[in-house]
Each structure stands twice: as C-alpha cells, then as structure tokens.
PDB file of N, CA and C in Angstrom:
ATOM      1  N   MET A   1      91.077  96.554 119.673  1.00  0.00           N
ATOM      2  CA  MET A   1      91.487  95.849 118.474  1.00  0.00           C
ATOM      3  C   MET A   1      92.123  94.532 118.901  1.00  0.00           C
ATOM      4  N   THR A   2      91.821  93.503 118.158  1.00  0.00           N
ATOM      5  CA  THR A   2      92.379  92.196 118.476  1.00  0.00           C
ATOM      6  C   THR A   2      93.865  92.150 118.133  1.00  0.00           C
ATOM      7  N   GLN A   3      94.516  91.129 118.660  1.00  0.00           N
ATOM      8  CA  GLN A   3      95.938  90.937 118.365  1.00  0.00           C
ATOM      9  C   GLN A   3      96.171  90.736 116.873  1.00  0.00           C
ATOM     10  N   VAL A   4      95.291  90.004 116.233  1.00  0.00           N
ATOM     11  CA  VAL A   4      95.437  89.746 114.795  1.00  0.00           C
ATOM     12  C   VAL A   4      95.317  91.059 114.019  1.00  0.00           C
ATOM     13  N   ALA A   5      94.330  91.865 114.343  1.00  0.00           N
ATOM     14  CA  ALA A   5      94.153  93.149 113.647  1.00  0.00           C
ATOM     15  C   ALA A   5      95.348  94.060 113.893  1.00  0.00           C
ATOM     16  N   ALA A   6      95.896  94.034 115.091  1.00  0.00           N
ATOM     17  CA  ALA A   6      97.078  94.845 115.392  1.00  0.00           C
ATOM     18  C   ALA A   6      98.268  94.369 114.566  1.00  0.00           C
ATOM     19  N   ARG A   7      98.408  93.072 114.421  1.00  0.00           N
ATOM     20  CA  ARG A   7      99.504  92.522 113.614  1.00  0.00           C
ATOM     21  C   ARG A   7      99.334  92.898 112.141  1.00  0.00           C
ATOM     22  N   VAL A   8      98.101  92.870 111.655  1.00  0.00           N
ATOM     23  CA  VAL A   8      97.827  93.269 110.264  1.00  0.00           C
ATOM     24  C   VAL A   8      98.216  94.731 110.070  1.00  0.00           C
ATOM     25  N   ALA A   9      97.858  95.584 111.014  1.00  0.00           N
ATOM     26  CA  ALA A   9      98.209  97.005 110.926  1.00  0.00           C
ATOM     27  C   ALA A   9      99.731  97.172 110.872  1.00  0.00           C
ATOM     28  N   GLU A  10     100.470  96.358 111.619  1.00  0.00           N
ATOM     29  CA  GLU A  10     101.937  96.412 111.588  1.00  0.00           C
ATOM     30  C   GLU A  10     102.464  95.997 110.213  1.00  0.00           C
ATOM     31  N   VAL A  11     101.913  94.914 109.671  1.00  0.00           N
ATOM     32  CA  VAL A  11     102.343  94.436 108.346  1.00  0.00           C
ATOM     33  C   VAL A  11     102.067  95.512 107.298  1.00  0.00           C
ATOM     34  N   ILE A  12     100.886  96.105 107.348  1.00  0.00           N
ATOM     35  CA  ILE A  12     100.532  97.146 106.378  1.00  0.00           C
ATOM     36  C   ILE A  12     101.467  98.338 106.526  1.00  0.00           C
ATOM     37  N   ALA A  13     101.731  98.755 107.747  1.00  0.00           N
ATOM     38  CA  ALA A  13     102.620  99.902 107.972  1.00  0.00           C
ATOM     39  C   ALA A  13     104.019  99.642 107.411  1.00  0.00           C
ATOM     40  N   ALA A  14     104.474  98.418 107.516  1.00  0.00           N
ATOM     41  CA  ALA A  14     105.823  98.083 107.056  1.00  0.00           C
ATOM     42  C   ALA A  14     105.899  97.842 105.552  1.00  0.00           C
ATOM     43  N   ARG A  15     104.792  97.377 104.942  1.00  0.00           N
ATOM     44  CA  ARG A  15     104.889  96.915 103.557  1.00  0.00           C
ATOM     45  C   ARG A  15     103.818  97.468 102.624  1.00  0.00           C
ATOM     46  N   TYR A  16     103.154  98.561 102.987  1.00  0.00           N
ATOM     47  CA  TYR A  16     102.042  99.071 102.193  1.00  0.00           C
ATOM     48  C   TYR A  16     102.447  99.520 100.796  1.00  0.00           C
ATOM     49  N   ARG A  17     103.717  99.806 100.584  1.00  0.00           N
ATOM     50  CA  ARG A  17     104.171 100.235  99.248  1.00  0.00           C
ATOM     51  C   ARG A  17     104.276  99.061  98.282  1.00  0.00           C
ATOM     52  N   GLU A  18     104.273  97.865  98.825  1.00  0.00           N
ATOM     53  CA  GLU A  18     104.374  96.651  98.021  1.00  0.00           C
ATOM     54  C   GLU A  18     102.987  96.194  97.579  1.00  0.00           C
ATOM     55  N   PRO A  19     102.914  95.365  96.542  1.00  0.00           N
ATOM     56  CA  PRO A  19     101.607  94.818  96.147  1.00  0.00           C
ATOM     57  C   PRO A  19     101.191  93.705  97.117  1.00  0.00           C
ATOM     58  N   LEU A  20     100.571  94.067  98.218  1.00  0.00           N
ATOM     59  CA  LEU A  20     100.148  93.106  99.236  1.00  0.00           C
ATOM     60  C   LEU A  20      98.847  92.423  98.836  1.00  0.00           C
ATOM     61  N   THR A  21      98.780  91.125  99.054  1.00  0.00           N
ATOM     62  CA  THR A  21      97.540  90.385  98.827  1.00  0.00           C
ATOM     63  C   THR A  21      97.022  89.895 100.174  1.00  0.00           C
ATOM     64  N   LEU A  22      95.757  89.585 100.216  1.00  0.00           N
ATOM     65  CA  LEU A  22      95.168  89.032 101.427  1.00  0.00           C
ATOM     66  C   LEU A  22      95.879  87.734 101.818  1.00  0.00           C
ATOM     67  N   ALA A  23      96.191  86.904 100.826  1.00  0.00           N
ATOM     68  CA  ALA A  23      96.876  85.634 101.100  1.00  0.00           C
ATOM     69  C   ALA A  23      98.254  85.873 101.719  1.00  0.00           C
ATOM     70  N   GLU A  24      98.982  86.863 101.225  1.00  0.00           N
ATOM     71  CA  GLU A  24     100.312  87.162 101.769  1.00  0.00           C
ATOM     72  C   GLU A  24     100.211  87.680 103.204  1.00  0.00           C
ATOM     73  N   ILE A  25      99.279  88.571 103.455  1.00  0.00           N
ATOM     74  CA  ILE A  25      99.105  89.092 104.817  1.00  0.00           C
ATOM     75  C   ILE A  25      98.692  87.962 105.752  1.00  0.00           C
ATOM     76  N   ALA A  26      97.777  87.108 105.306  1.00  0.00           N
ATOM     77  CA  ALA A  26      97.334  85.976 106.124  1.00  0.00           C
ATOM     78  C   ALA A  26      98.504  85.054 106.454  1.00  0.00           C
ATOM     79  N   ARG A  27      99.361  84.793 105.477  1.00  0.00           N
ATOM     80  CA  ARG A  27     100.536  83.950 105.708  1.00  0.00           C
ATOM     81  C   ARG A  27     101.449  84.583 106.752  1.00  0.00           C
ATOM     82  N   LEU A  28     101.678  85.881 106.647  1.00  0.00           N
ATOM     83  CA  LEU A  28     102.549  86.582 107.592  1.00  0.00           C
ATOM     84  C   LEU A  28     101.974  86.611 109.007  1.00  0.00           C
ATOM     85  N   VAL A  29     100.657  86.675 109.100  1.00  0.00           N
ATOM     86  CA  VAL A  29      99.991  86.745 110.407  1.00  0.00           C
ATOM     87  C   VAL A  29      99.736  85.353 110.973  1.00  0.00           C
ATOM     88  N   GLY A  30      99.628  84.363 110.097  1.00  0.00           N
ATOM     89  CA  GLY A  30      99.472  82.986 110.551  1.00  0.00           C
ATOM     90  C   GLY A  30      98.037  82.516 110.700  1.00  0.00           C
ATOM     91  N   VAL A  31      97.131  83.068 109.896  1.00  0.00           N
ATOM     92  CA  VAL A  31      95.747  82.607 109.886  1.00  0.00           C
ATOM     93  C   VAL A  31      95.278  82.495 108.440  1.00  0.00           C
ATOM     94  N   SER A  32      94.125  81.845 108.241  1.00  0.00           N
ATOM     95  CA  SER A  32      93.612  81.707 106.879  1.00  0.00           C
ATOM     96  C   SER A  32      93.120  83.061 106.370  1.00  0.00           C
ATOM     97  N   PRO A  33      93.179  83.261 105.061  1.00  0.00           N
ATOM     98  CA  PRO A  33      92.703  84.532 104.506  1.00  0.00           C
ATOM     99  C   PRO A  33      91.255  84.852 104.871  1.00  0.00           C
ATOM    100  N   PHE A  34      90.387  83.855 104.808  1.00  0.00           N
ATOM    101  CA  PHE A  34      88.977  84.078 105.138  1.00  0.00           C
ATOM    102  C   PHE A  34      88.821  84.509 106.596  1.00  0.00           C
ATOM    103  N   HIS A  35      89.457  83.774 107.497  1.00  0.00           N
ATOM    104  CA  HIS A  35      89.381  84.095 108.919  1.00  0.00           C
ATOM    105  C   HIS A  35      89.992  85.471 109.188  1.00  0.00           C
ATOM    106  N   LEU A  36      91.114  85.760 108.557  1.00  0.00           N
ATOM    107  CA  LEU A  36      91.776  87.052 108.726  1.00  0.00           C
ATOM    108  C   LEU A  36      90.851  88.197 108.302  1.00  0.00           C
ATOM    109  N   SER A  37      90.240  88.049 107.156  1.00  0.00           N
ATOM    110  CA  SER A  37      89.359  89.092 106.647  1.00  0.00           C
ATOM    111  C   SER A  37      88.210  89.352 107.620  1.00  0.00           C
ATOM    112  N   ARG A  38      87.593  88.312 108.101  1.00  0.00           N
ATOM    113  CA  ARG A  38      86.482  88.468 109.052  1.00  0.00           C
ATOM    114  C   ARG A  38      86.940  89.114 110.351  1.00  0.00           C
ATOM    115  N   LEU A  39      88.061  88.649 110.914  1.00  0.00           N
ATOM    116  CA  LEU A  39      88.559  89.191 112.185  1.00  0.00           C
ATOM    117  C   LEU A  39      88.888  90.679 112.095  1.00  0.00           C
ATOM    118  N   VAL A  40      89.600  91.047 111.045  1.00  0.00           N
ATOM    119  CA  VAL A  40      90.039  92.438 110.906  1.00  0.00           C
ATOM    120  C   VAL A  40      88.850  93.364 110.657  1.00  0.00           C
ATOM    121  N   THR A  41      87.943  92.959 109.791  1.00  0.00           N
ATOM    122  CA  THR A  41      86.776  93.801 109.525  1.00  0.00           C
ATOM    123  C   THR A  41      85.921  93.952 110.782  1.00  0.00           C
ATOM    124  N   ALA A  42      85.764  92.874 111.542  1.00  0.00           N
ATOM    125  CA  ALA A  42      84.989  92.946 112.788  1.00  0.00           C
ATOM    126  C   ALA A  42      85.675  93.850 113.815  1.00  0.00           C
ATOM    127  N   ALA A  43      86.996  93.794 113.885  1.00  0.00           N
ATOM    128  CA  ALA A  43      87.732  94.567 114.884  1.00  0.00           C
ATOM    129  C   ALA A  43      87.871  96.040 114.523  1.00  0.00           C
ATOM    130  N   THR A  44      87.984  96.337 113.234  1.00  0.00           N
ATOM    131  CA  THR A  44      88.268  97.715 112.824  1.00  0.00           C
ATOM    132  C   THR A  44      87.105  98.392 112.092  1.00  0.00           C
ATOM    133  N   GLY A  45      86.188  97.596 111.572  1.00  0.00           N
ATOM    134  CA  GLY A  45      85.102  98.146 110.764  1.00  0.00           C
ATOM    135  C   GLY A  45      85.525  98.471 109.346  1.00  0.00           C
ATOM    136  N   VAL A  46      86.757  98.122 108.991  1.00  0.00           N
ATOM    137  CA  VAL A  46      87.308  98.444 107.673  1.00  0.00           C
ATOM    138  C   VAL A  46      87.939  97.182 107.082  1.00  0.00           C
ATOM    139  N   PRO A  47      87.639  96.869 105.822  1.00  0.00           N
ATOM    140  CA  PRO A  47      88.300  95.729 105.188  1.00  0.00           C
ATOM    141  C   PRO A  47      89.808  95.983 105.030  1.00  0.00           C
ATOM    142  N   ILE A  48      90.563  94.924 104.953  1.00  0.00           N
ATOM    143  CA  ILE A  48      92.019  95.030 104.850  1.00  0.00           C
ATOM    144  C   ILE A  48      92.435  95.856 103.638  1.00  0.00           C
ATOM    145  N   TYR A  49      91.807  95.647 102.498  1.00  0.00           N
ATOM    146  CA  TYR A  49      92.162  96.410 101.306  1.00  0.00           C
ATOM    147  C   TYR A  49      92.007  97.905 101.564  1.00  0.00           C
ATOM    148  N   ARG A  50      90.946  98.286 102.249  1.00  0.00           N
ATOM    149  CA  ARG A  50      90.701  99.707 102.544  1.00  0.00           C
ATOM    150  C   ARG A  50      91.771 100.252 103.480  1.00  0.00           C
ATOM    151  N   MET A  51      92.227  99.427 104.421  1.00  0.00           N
ATOM    152  CA  MET A  51      93.310  99.845 105.322  1.00  0.00           C
ATOM    153  C   MET A  51      94.572 100.150 104.512  1.00  0.00           C
ATOM    154  N   ILE A  52      94.869  99.308 103.539  1.00  0.00           N
ATOM    155  CA  ILE A  52      96.057  99.503 102.705  1.00  0.00           C
ATOM    156  C   ILE A  52      95.919 100.785 101.884  1.00  0.00           C
ATOM    157  N   VAL A  53      94.763 100.962 101.258  1.00  0.00           N
ATOM    158  CA  VAL A  53      94.546 102.155 100.431  1.00  0.00           C
ATOM    159  C   VAL A  53      94.651 103.420 101.282  1.00  0.00           C
ATOM    160  N   ARG A  54      94.044 103.415 102.457  1.00  0.00           N
ATOM    161  CA  ARG A  54      94.107 104.598 103.321  1.00  0.00           C
ATOM    162  C   ARG A  54      95.529 104.894 103.769  1.00  0.00           C
ATOM    163  N   ARG A  55      96.305 103.869 104.021  1.00  0.00           N
ATOM    164  CA  ARG A  55      97.707 104.086 104.408  1.00  0.00           C
ATOM    165  C   ARG A  55      98.482 104.704 103.252  1.00  0.00           C
ATOM    166  N   ARG A  56      98.238 104.203 102.047  1.00  0.00           N
ATOM    167  CA  ARG A  56      98.894 104.765 100.865  1.00  0.00           C
ATOM    168  C   ARG A  56      98.461 106.215 100.640  1.00  0.00           C
ATOM    169  N   LEU A  57      97.181 106.488 100.819  1.00  0.00           N
ATOM    170  CA  LEU A  57      96.676 107.847 100.647  1.00  0.00           C
ATOM    171  C   LEU A  57      97.281 108.800 101.676  1.00  0.00           C
ATOM    172  N   ARG A  58      97.436 108.336 102.891  1.00  0.00           N
ATOM    173  CA  ARG A  58      98.036 109.171 103.940  1.00  0.00           C
ATOM    174  C   ARG A  58      99.466 109.558 103.557  1.00  0.00           C
ATOM    175  N   ASP A  59     100.212 108.603 103.047  1.00  0.00           N
ATOM    176  CA  ASP A  59     101.584 108.870 102.622  1.00  0.00           C
ATOM    177  C   ASP A  59     101.599 109.787 101.396  1.00  0.00           C
ATOM    178  N   ALA A  60     100.691 109.540 100.457  1.00  0.00           N
ATOM    179  CA  ALA A  60     100.608 110.383  99.260  1.00  0.00           C
ATOM    180  C   ALA A  60     100.275 111.820  99.642  1.00  0.00           C
ATOM    181  N   LEU A  61      99.366 111.993 100.572  1.00  0.00           N
ATOM    182  CA  LEU A  61      99.000 113.337 101.013  1.00  0.00           C
ATOM    183  C   LEU A  61     100.202 114.064 101.605  1.00  0.00           C
ATOM    184  N   GLU A  62     100.951 113.397 102.440  1.00  0.00           N
ATOM    185  CA  GLU A  62     102.149 114.005 103.018  1.00  0.00           C
ATOM    186  C   GLU A  62     103.131 114.429 101.927  1.00  0.00           C
ATOM    187  N   LEU A  63     103.331 113.549 100.950  1.00  0.00           N
ATOM    188  CA  LEU A  63     104.260 113.869  99.872  1.00  0.00           C
ATOM    189  C   LEU A  63     103.743 115.011  98.993  1.00  0.00           C
ATOM    190  N   LEU A  64     102.445 115.044  98.759  1.00  0.00           N
ATOM    191  CA  LEU A  64     101.865 116.146  97.984  1.00  0.00           C
ATOM    192  C   LEU A  64     102.092 117.483  98.675  1.00  0.00           C
ATOM    193  N   LEU A  65     101.950 117.490  99.981  1.00  0.00           N
ATOM    194  CA  LEU A  65     102.086 118.735 100.746  1.00  0.00           C
ATOM    195  C   LEU A  65     103.539 119.133 100.981  1.00  0.00           C
ATOM    196  N   ASP A  66     104.427 118.144 101.065  1.00  0.00           N
ATOM    197  CA  ASP A  66     105.795 118.417 101.497  1.00  0.00           C
ATOM    198  C   ASP A  66     106.864 118.332 100.420  1.00  0.00           C
ATOM    199  N   THR A  67     106.507 117.845  99.215  1.00  0.00           N
ATOM    200  CA  THR A  67     107.527 117.697  98.175  1.00  0.00           C
ATOM    201  C   THR A  67     107.029 118.286  96.862  1.00  0.00           C
ATOM    202  N   ARG A  68     107.921 118.362  95.907  1.00  0.00           N
ATOM    203  CA  ARG A  68     107.576 118.797  94.548  1.00  0.00           C
ATOM    204  C   ARG A  68     107.552 117.601  93.593  1.00  0.00           C
ATOM    205  N   GLU A  69     107.613 116.388  94.118  1.00  0.00           N
ATOM    206  CA  GLU A  69     107.565 115.168  93.306  1.00  0.00           C
ATOM    207  C   GLU A  69     106.296 115.179  92.452  1.00  0.00           C
ATOM    208  N   SER A  70     106.384 114.643  91.244  1.00  0.00           N
ATOM    209  CA  SER A  70     105.209 114.576  90.377  1.00  0.00           C
ATOM    210  C   SER A  70     104.153 113.658  91.002  1.00  0.00           C
ATOM    211  N   ILE A  71     102.918 113.847  90.615  1.00  0.00           N
ATOM    212  CA  ILE A  71     101.847 112.999  91.143  1.00  0.00           C
ATOM    213  C   ILE A  71     102.061 111.557  90.698  1.00  0.00           C
ATOM    214  N   THR A  72     102.549 111.350  89.492  1.00  0.00           N
ATOM    215  CA  THR A  72     102.856 109.995  89.037  1.00  0.00           C
ATOM    216  C   THR A  72     103.946 109.378  89.903  1.00  0.00           C
ATOM    217  N   GLY A  73     104.994 110.140  90.174  1.00  0.00           N
ATOM    218  CA  GLY A  73     106.074 109.650  91.031  1.00  0.00           C
ATOM    219  C   GLY A  73     105.588 109.305  92.422  1.00  0.00           C
ATOM    220  N   ILE A  74     104.722 110.139  92.969  1.00  0.00           N
ATOM    221  CA  ILE A  74     104.154 109.879  94.299  1.00  0.00           C
ATOM    222  C   ILE A  74     103.293 108.619  94.259  1.00  0.00           C
ATOM    223  N   ALA A  75     102.458 108.501  93.231  1.00  0.00           N
ATOM    224  CA  ALA A  75     101.591 107.325  93.108  1.00  0.00           C
ATOM    225  C   ALA A  75     102.408 106.043  93.130  1.00  0.00           C
ATOM    226  N   LEU A  76     103.453 105.996  92.338  1.00  0.00           N
ATOM    227  CA  LEU A  76     104.282 104.798  92.265  1.00  0.00           C
ATOM    228  C   LEU A  76     105.061 104.574  93.553  1.00  0.00           C
ATOM    229  N   ALA A  77     105.509 105.646  94.182  1.00  0.00           N
ATOM    230  CA  ALA A  77     106.292 105.532  95.416  1.00  0.00           C
ATOM    231  C   ALA A  77     105.491 104.959  96.576  1.00  0.00           C
ATOM    232  N   VAL A  78     104.197 105.246  96.619  1.00  0.00           N
ATOM    233  CA  VAL A  78     103.398 104.787  97.756  1.00  0.00           C
ATOM    234  C   VAL A  78     102.617 103.504  97.468  1.00  0.00           C
ATOM    235  N   GLY A  79     102.778 102.947  96.265  1.00  0.00           N
ATOM    236  CA  GLY A  79     102.192 101.638  95.992  1.00  0.00           C
ATOM    237  C   GLY A  79     100.996 101.609  95.073  1.00  0.00           C
ATOM    238  N   PHE A  80     100.607 102.761  94.525  1.00  0.00           N
ATOM    239  CA  PHE A  80      99.531 102.751  93.535  1.00  0.00           C
ATOM    240  C   PHE A  80     100.121 102.352  92.186  1.00  0.00           C
ATOM    241  N   ALA A  81      99.285 101.776  91.339  1.00  0.00           N
ATOM    242  CA  ALA A  81      99.757 101.290  90.041  1.00  0.00           C
ATOM    243  C   ALA A  81      99.998 102.413  89.047  1.00  0.00           C
ATOM    244  N   SER A  82      99.315 103.553  89.247  1.00  0.00           N
ATOM    245  CA  SER A  82      99.430 104.631  88.279  1.00  0.00           C
ATOM    246  C   SER A  82      98.926 105.942  88.872  1.00  0.00           C
ATOM    247  N   HIS A  83      99.154 107.011  88.123  1.00  0.00           N
ATOM    248  CA  HIS A  83      98.634 108.331  88.475  1.00  0.00           C
ATOM    249  C   HIS A  83      97.114 108.264  88.621  1.00  0.00           C
ATOM    250  N   SER A  84      96.440 107.634  87.657  1.00  0.00           N
ATOM    251  CA  SER A  84      94.975 107.588  87.683  1.00  0.00           C
ATOM    252  C   SER A  84      94.442 106.764  88.849  1.00  0.00           C
ATOM    253  N   HIS A  85      95.148 105.708  89.228  1.00  0.00           N
ATOM    254  CA  HIS A  85      94.736 104.898  90.375  1.00  0.00           C
ATOM    255  C   HIS A  85      94.787 105.752  91.645  1.00  0.00           C
ATOM    256  N   LEU A  86      95.863 106.499  91.835  1.00  0.00           N
ATOM    257  CA  LEU A  86      95.964 107.407  92.984  1.00  0.00           C
ATOM    258  C   LEU A  86      94.872 108.470  92.914  1.00  0.00           C
ATOM    259  N   THR A  87      94.701 109.085  91.760  1.00  0.00           N
ATOM    260  CA  THR A  87      93.727 110.163  91.623  1.00  0.00           C
ATOM    261  C   THR A  87      92.315 109.682  91.940  1.00  0.00           C
ATOM    262  N   ASP A  88      91.942 108.523  91.444  1.00  0.00           N
ATOM    263  CA  ASP A  88      90.609 107.981  91.721  1.00  0.00           C
ATOM    264  C   ASP A  88      90.410 107.722  93.219  1.00  0.00           C
ATOM    265  N   ALA A  89      91.381 107.071  93.845  1.00  0.00           N
ATOM    266  CA  ALA A  89      91.273 106.766  95.274  1.00  0.00           C
ATOM    267  C   ALA A  89      91.277 108.040  96.111  1.00  0.00           C
ATOM    268  N   PHE A  90      92.119 108.985  95.760  1.00  0.00           N
ATOM    269  CA  PHE A  90      92.227 110.248  96.483  1.00  0.00           C
ATOM    270  C   PHE A  90      90.910 111.028  96.387  1.00  0.00           C
ATOM    271  N   HIS A  91      90.352 111.073  95.192  1.00  0.00           N
ATOM    272  CA  HIS A  91      89.098 111.798  94.988  1.00  0.00           C
ATOM    273  C   HIS A  91      87.958 111.144  95.767  1.00  0.00           C
ATOM    274  N   ARG A  92      87.911 109.818  95.780  1.00  0.00           N
ATOM    275  CA  ARG A  92      86.882 109.105  96.552  1.00  0.00           C
ATOM    276  C   ARG A  92      87.005 109.399  98.045  1.00  0.00           C
ATOM    277  N   GLU A  93      88.227 109.438  98.543  1.00  0.00           N
ATOM    278  CA  GLU A  93      88.453 109.642  99.983  1.00  0.00           C
ATOM    279  C   GLU A  93      88.240 111.093 100.404  1.00  0.00           C
ATOM    280  N   TYR A  94      88.730 112.036  99.615  1.00  0.00           N
ATOM    281  CA  TYR A  94      88.743 113.441 100.023  1.00  0.00           C
ATOM    282  C   TYR A  94      87.802 114.354  99.250  1.00  0.00           C
ATOM    283  N   GLY A  95      87.260 113.876  98.148  1.00  0.00           N
ATOM    284  CA  GLY A  95      86.356 114.697  97.366  1.00  0.00           C
ATOM    285  C   GLY A  95      87.032 115.691  96.438  1.00  0.00           C
ATOM    286  N   VAL A  96      88.341 115.655  96.358  1.00  0.00           N
ATOM    287  CA  VAL A  96      89.110 116.520  95.462  1.00  0.00           C
ATOM    288  C   VAL A  96      90.256 115.718  94.869  1.00  0.00           C
ATOM    289  N   PRO A  97      90.750 116.094  93.690  1.00  0.00           N
ATOM    290  CA  PRO A  97      91.893 115.386  93.110  1.00  0.00           C
ATOM    291  C   PRO A  97      93.198 115.827  93.784  1.00  0.00           C
ATOM    292  N   PRO A  98      94.239 115.017  93.697  1.00  0.00           N
ATOM    293  CA  PRO A  98      95.515 115.372  94.320  1.00  0.00           C
ATOM    294  C   PRO A  98      96.079 116.703  93.833  1.00  0.00           C
ATOM    295  N   ARG A  99      95.873 117.045  92.574  1.00  0.00           N
ATOM    296  CA  ARG A  99      96.428 118.303  92.065  1.00  0.00           C
ATOM    297  C   ARG A  99      95.824 119.509  92.777  1.00  0.00           C
ATOM    298  N   ALA A 100      94.592 119.397  93.259  1.00  0.00           N
ATOM    299  CA  ALA A 100      93.962 120.499  93.985  1.00  0.00           C
ATOM    300  C   ALA A 100      94.646 120.723  95.328  1.00  0.00           C
ATOM    301  N   VAL A 101      95.063 119.649  95.962  1.00  0.00           N
ATOM    302  CA  VAL A 101      95.784 119.768  97.236  1.00  0.00           C
ATOM    303  C   VAL A 101      97.157 120.358  96.980  1.00  0.00           C
ATOM    304  N   ARG A 102      97.797 119.917  95.941  1.00  0.00           N
ATOM    305  CA  ARG A 102      99.127 120.410  95.582  1.00  0.00           C
ATOM    306  C   ARG A 102      99.077 121.907  95.338  1.00  0.00           C
ATOM    307  N   GLY A 103      98.010 122.385  94.710  1.00  0.00           N
ATOM    308  CA  GLY A 103      97.874 123.798  94.410  1.00  0.00           C
ATOM    309  C   GLY A 103      97.371 124.618  95.582  1.00  0.00           C
ATOM    310  N   GLY A 104      97.013 123.970  96.693  1.00  0.00           N
ATOM    311  CA  GLY A 104      96.535 124.685  97.863  1.00  0.00           C
ATOM    312  C   GLY A 104      95.077 125.095  97.770  1.00  0.00           C
ATOM    313  N   VAL A 105      94.431 124.797  96.649  1.00  0.00           N
ATOM    314  CA  VAL A 105      93.051 125.213  96.437  1.00  0.00           C
ATOM    315  C   VAL A 105      92.102 124.463  97.357  1.00  0.00           C
ATOM    316  N   ALA A 106      92.384 123.199  97.623  1.00  0.00           N
ATOM    317  CA  ALA A 106      91.394 122.354  98.273  1.00  0.00           C
ATOM    318  C   ALA A 106      91.498 122.296  99.792  1.00  0.00           C
ATOM    319  N   ARG A 107      92.517 122.826 100.393  1.00  0.00           N
ATOM    320  CA  ARG A 107      92.676 122.658 101.829  1.00  0.00           C
ATOM    321  C   ARG A 107      91.446 123.100 102.608  1.00  0.00           C
ATOM    322  N   SER A 108      90.911 124.252 102.315  1.00  0.00           N
ATOM    323  CA  SER A 108      89.743 124.705 103.059  1.00  0.00           C
ATOM    324  C   SER A 108      88.487 123.955 102.634  1.00  0.00           C
ATOM    325  N   SER A 109      88.383 123.587 101.369  1.00  0.00           N
ATOM    326  CA  SER A 109      87.184 122.893 100.904  1.00  0.00           C
ATOM    327  C   SER A 109      87.139 121.444 101.369  1.00  0.00           C
ATOM    328  N   MET A 110      88.251 120.918 101.867  1.00  0.00           N
ATOM    329  CA  MET A 110      88.276 119.546 102.333  1.00  0.00           C
ATOM    330  C   MET A 110      87.658 119.420 103.723  1.00  0.00           C
ATOM    331  N   GLY A 111      87.296 120.511 104.334  1.00  0.00           N
ATOM    332  CA  GLY A 111      86.569 120.473 105.592  1.00  0.00           C
ATOM    333  C   GLY A 111      87.289 119.753 106.715  1.00  0.00           C
ATOM    334  N   GLY A 112      88.585 119.907 106.808  1.00  0.00           N
ATOM    335  CA  GLY A 112      89.324 119.271 107.901  1.00  0.00           C
ATOM    336  C   GLY A 112      89.685 117.826 107.646  1.00  0.00           C
ATOM    337  N   ARG A 113      89.319 117.297 106.497  1.00  0.00           N
ATOM    338  CA  ARG A 113      89.610 115.887 106.237  1.00  0.00           C
ATOM    339  C   ARG A 113      91.092 115.598 106.190  1.00  0.00           C
ATOM    340  N   VAL A 114      91.913 116.582 105.900  1.00  0.00           N
ATOM    341  CA  VAL A 114      93.363 116.368 105.888  1.00  0.00           C
ATOM    342  C   VAL A 114      93.820 115.944 107.275  1.00  0.00           C
ATOM    343  N   MET A 115      93.348 116.613 108.290  1.00  0.00           N
ATOM    344  CA  MET A 115      93.772 116.290 109.657  1.00  0.00           C
ATOM    345  C   MET A 115      93.298 114.898 110.060  1.00  0.00           C
ATOM    346  N   ARG A 116      92.060 114.541 109.718  1.00  0.00           N
ATOM    347  CA  ARG A 116      91.598 113.204 110.054  1.00  0.00           C
ATOM    348  C   ARG A 116      92.404 112.158 109.322  1.00  0.00           C
ATOM    349  N   HIS A 117      92.823 112.467 108.103  1.00  0.00           N
ATOM    350  CA  HIS A 117      93.578 111.509 107.312  1.00  0.00           C
ATOM    351  C   HIS A 117      94.938 111.222 107.938  1.00  0.00           C
ATOM    352  N   ARG A 118      95.455 112.156 108.706  1.00  0.00           N
ATOM    353  CA  ARG A 118      96.762 111.970 109.312  1.00  0.00           C
ATOM    354  C   ARG A 118      96.701 111.213 110.632  1.00  0.00           C
ATOM    355  N   SER A 119      95.544 110.733 111.027  1.00  0.00           N
ATOM    356  CA  SER A 119      95.422 109.976 112.266  1.00  0.00           C
ATOM    357  C   SER A 119      96.057 108.593 112.101  1.00  0.00           C
ATOM    358  N   PRO A 120      96.267 107.876 113.197  1.00  0.00           N
ATOM    359  CA  PRO A 120      96.919 106.565 113.119  1.00  0.00           C
ATOM    360  C   PRO A 120      96.209 105.605 112.176  1.00  0.00           C
ATOM    361  N   PRO A 121      96.944 104.675 111.538  1.00  0.00           N
ATOM    362  CA  PRO A 121      96.357 103.790 110.555  1.00  0.00           C
ATOM    363  C   PRO A 121      95.260 102.898 111.112  1.00  0.00           C
ATOM    364  N   THR A 122      95.237 102.667 112.404  1.00  0.00           N
ATOM    365  CA  THR A 122      94.219 101.793 112.979  1.00  0.00           C
ATOM    366  C   THR A 122      92.932 102.539 113.268  1.00  0.00           C
ATOM    367  N   ALA A 123      92.956 103.863 113.223  1.00  0.00           N
ATOM    368  CA  ALA A 123      91.750 104.646 113.503  1.00  0.00           C
ATOM    369  C   ALA A 123      90.821 104.625 112.300  1.00  0.00           C
ATOM    370  N   ARG A 124      89.554 104.604 112.567  1.00  0.00           N
ATOM    371  CA  ARG A 124      88.584 104.700 111.479  1.00  0.00           C
ATOM    372  C   ARG A 124      88.592 106.122 110.959  1.00  0.00           C
ATOM    373  N   LEU A 125      88.843 106.287 109.673  1.00  0.00           N
ATOM    374  CA  LEU A 125      89.057 107.618 109.116  1.00  0.00           C
ATOM    375  C   LEU A 125      87.794 108.247 108.589  1.00  0.00           C
ATOM    376  N   ARG A 126      86.791 107.510 108.388  1.00  0.00           N
ATOM    377  CA  ARG A 126      85.571 108.059 107.815  1.00  0.00           C
ATOM    378  C   ARG A 126      84.373 107.426 108.405  1.00  0.00           C
TER     379      ARG A 126
END
C-alpha cells in the first residue's frame, strides 16, 4: 500500500463516524481529490467511500454482537444517517439484515463473513 493510501486508512480509522467527504480527506492528506481517489483505488482495489462504509459496518457489527443498543442508535453512533442506511449497507455486505445478527440467527448462514469483516481496515474484505 502506498503512503497516501496508508494515510487515508489512518484518517478513516480516526474519523469514520463523521460525515467525511473526499475533499476533506484529500485536504488532510495533502493531495487533490481526483489524484487521491485514483491512488487509493489503485493501491487497495477499493474506493475511499467503500473503505469508510466497511469501517462503519465493522464497528456496527461489533456493537450488534456486544451491546443491547438499538439498531438506530448503533447506526447513528458509527456514522450512518439512519437505521435504513445501516440496514441497506449491512445487507449488501453480509447478505442478512442487522437484526438477524442481533438475534443470532444469521451467524452460521453468513458463512464466516463475520470473521473476514473483522480483519484490518486496509485488507480487502470481499
């Protein structure tokens, strides 16, 4: 991974709960948004927006498994705009809604995807 992509991963890890924009990340890293987008996608195979969503999903998954917080509360805590935004992203990534994980129904049907989801943010998850 390039230095720029590593720096982006650090920014995302520190601020993923905030509404991050490509322009803001580019400013923090010190390159143009266009150049940043190309560099990071080439280095990681994943667009910056997807890196942010996956980081939020990883945190949401941990909270679903470890707390009794409502799904809406978890969604807002990790940076999603709403319960439905989290549910849509979670279902796309894992093939099940967050409530299924909360109920323990989906752990076996997720085919090990929970463990892959817990890998480092710079790893390609899918």
